[in-house]
Amino acid sequence: MAFLNKINWNLLRKNAPNSSGIDPSAPMQKQSATPSTPKTLAELEHEMQLERRVLKTSPQQVHRKAKRGIGSRLIWIAILLGIPVGVIWVANQPYPVIRRPVMLHAPFLLLPSYRTSI
């Protein structure tokens, strides 16, 4: 069975794709036939600005906010109003175990239970 292991590794080495994406059997290609002259700092900055403008105006890079419906806004409004109302409701329960600590630490939460009826 050990010989099957060697055969598998040999097959994998022969058929494995090159992870770098470079074909080692391909001949070297020169980028340009003329030797490149060194660019000045101003030319490099100008090229960078042009590339930045292209990237900013590219339609692929523009991310727009998705339009939200009224339903999601109503849910958030209900959550943001419901939590404080619920806390005040719990604080105003007629049980002494709840009212005493609230009366000592945050008495303004008990104002709704002290209001007079009209």
Protein backbone atom coordinates (compact mmCIF):
# COMPACT_ATOMS: atom_id res chain seq x y z
CA MET A 1 0.00 0.00 0.00
CA ALA A 2 2.95 2.34 0.48
CA PHE A 3 3.57 2.44 -3.27
CA LEU A 4 0.07 3.94 -3.81
CA ASN A 5 1.01 6.86 -1.59
CA LYS A 6 4.08 7.61 -3.73
CA ILE A 7 2.03 7.36 -6.93
CA ASN A 8 -0.55 9.82 -5.61
CA TRP A 9 2.09 12.37 -4.62
CA ASN A 10 3.79 12.10 -8.00
CA LEU A 11 0.48 12.69 -9.78
CA LEU A 12 -0.32 15.66 -7.59
CA ARG A 13 3.07 17.26 -8.22
CA LYS A 14 2.72 16.88 -11.99
CA ASN A 15 -0.87 18.19 -12.18
CA ALA A 16 -0.74 20.85 -9.47
CA PRO A 17 -1.54 24.36 -10.69
CA ASN A 18 1.10 26.99 -10.12
CA SER A 19 -0.01 29.05 -7.12
CA SER A 20 1.75 32.20 -8.34
CA GLY A 21 -0.13 32.24 -11.63
CA ILE A 22 3.11 32.50 -13.61
CA ASP A 23 3.84 29.91 -16.26
CA PRO A 24 7.50 28.96 -15.78
CA SER A 25 7.75 27.54 -19.31
CA ALA A 26 6.68 30.81 -20.95
CA PRO A 27 9.52 33.01 -22.27
CA MET A 28 10.23 36.28 -20.49
CA GLN A 29 8.46 39.26 -22.01
CA LYS A 30 9.88 42.74 -21.90
CA GLN A 31 7.51 45.51 -20.92
CA SER A 32 8.66 47.94 -23.58
CA ALA A 33 11.26 47.96 -26.31
CA THR A 34 12.64 51.38 -25.39
CA PRO A 35 14.40 51.87 -22.09
CA SER A 36 12.23 53.79 -19.65
CA THR A 37 13.46 57.15 -18.49
CA PRO A 38 13.12 57.99 -14.81
CA LYS A 39 10.08 60.15 -14.10
CA THR A 40 10.15 63.24 -12.01
CA LEU A 41 8.21 63.57 -8.81
CA ALA A 42 5.75 65.99 -10.43
CA GLU A 43 4.97 63.51 -13.22
CA LEU A 44 4.38 60.71 -10.71
CA GLU A 45 2.06 62.91 -8.63
CA HIS A 46 0.13 63.90 -11.75
CA GLU A 47 -0.36 60.23 -12.68
CA MET A 48 -1.54 59.45 -9.16
CA GLN A 49 -4.08 62.28 -9.30
CA LEU A 50 -5.41 61.03 -12.63
CA GLU A 51 -5.79 57.51 -11.25
CA ARG A 52 -7.53 58.85 -8.13
CA ARG A 53 -10.01 60.79 -10.28
CA VAL A 54 -10.78 57.70 -12.32
CA LEU A 55 -11.38 55.65 -9.18
CA LYS A 56 -13.62 58.33 -7.65
CA THR A 57 -15.81 58.63 -10.74
CA SER A 58 -15.97 54.91 -11.44
CA PRO A 59 -19.58 53.67 -11.19
CA GLN A 60 -18.39 50.43 -9.61
CA GLN A 61 -16.94 52.26 -6.61
CA VAL A 62 -20.05 54.36 -5.88
CA HIS A 63 -22.01 52.95 -2.96
CA ARG A 64 -25.44 54.33 -2.49
CA LYS A 65 -27.61 53.93 0.53
CA ALA A 66 -30.48 51.57 0.06
CA LYS A 67 -33.86 53.23 0.41
CA ARG A 68 -35.58 52.16 3.57
CA GLY A 69 -39.29 51.71 3.72
CA ILE A 70 -41.58 53.24 6.28
CA GLY A 71 -41.91 49.88 8.01
CA SER A 72 -38.31 49.81 9.24
CA ARG A 73 -38.61 53.40 10.48
CA LEU A 74 -41.78 52.58 12.38
CA ILE A 75 -40.10 49.58 14.01
CA TRP A 76 -37.14 51.71 15.17
CA ILE A 77 -39.44 54.44 16.47
CA ALA A 78 -41.43 51.85 18.43
CA ILE A 79 -38.23 50.41 19.91
CA LEU A 80 -36.79 53.81 20.83
CA LEU A 81 -40.05 54.90 22.49
CA GLY A 82 -40.99 51.55 23.97
CA ILE A 83 -37.85 50.96 26.02
CA PRO A 84 -38.06 54.16 28.14
CA VAL A 85 -41.82 53.81 28.54
CA GLY A 86 -41.33 50.23 29.71
CA VAL A 87 -38.71 51.26 32.26
CA ILE A 88 -41.02 53.94 33.69
CA TRP A 89 -43.92 51.47 33.79
CA VAL A 90 -41.83 48.95 35.75
CA ALA A 91 -40.59 51.66 38.12
CA ASN A 92 -44.18 52.73 38.90
CA GLN A 93 -45.42 49.30 39.92
CA PRO A 94 -47.15 49.37 43.32
CA TYR A 95 -44.83 46.79 44.86
CA PRO A 96 -42.53 48.07 47.64
CA VAL A 97 -39.65 45.89 46.42
CA ILE A 98 -39.59 47.93 43.22
CA ARG A 99 -40.69 51.37 44.48
CA ARG A 100 -38.25 51.76 47.43
CA PRO A 101 -35.00 51.50 45.41
CA VAL A 102 -36.47 53.72 42.69
CA MET A 103 -37.56 56.25 45.34
CA LEU A 104 -34.04 56.32 46.80
CA HIS A 105 -32.03 56.50 43.57
CA ALA A 106 -34.26 57.99 40.86
CA PRO A 107 -37.40 59.55 42.35
CA PHE A 108 -38.21 61.48 39.16
CA LEU A 109 -39.24 58.17 37.58
CA LEU A 110 -42.15 58.00 40.04
CA LEU A 111 -43.69 61.29 38.90
CA PRO A 112 -46.31 59.63 36.65
CA SER A 113 -47.79 57.79 39.65
CA TYR A 114 -48.06 61.02 41.68
CA ARG A 115 -49.90 63.07 39.08
CA THR A 116 -53.46 64.02 39.86
CA SER A 117 -56.37 63.12 37.67
CA ILE A 118 -58.15 65.91 35.93
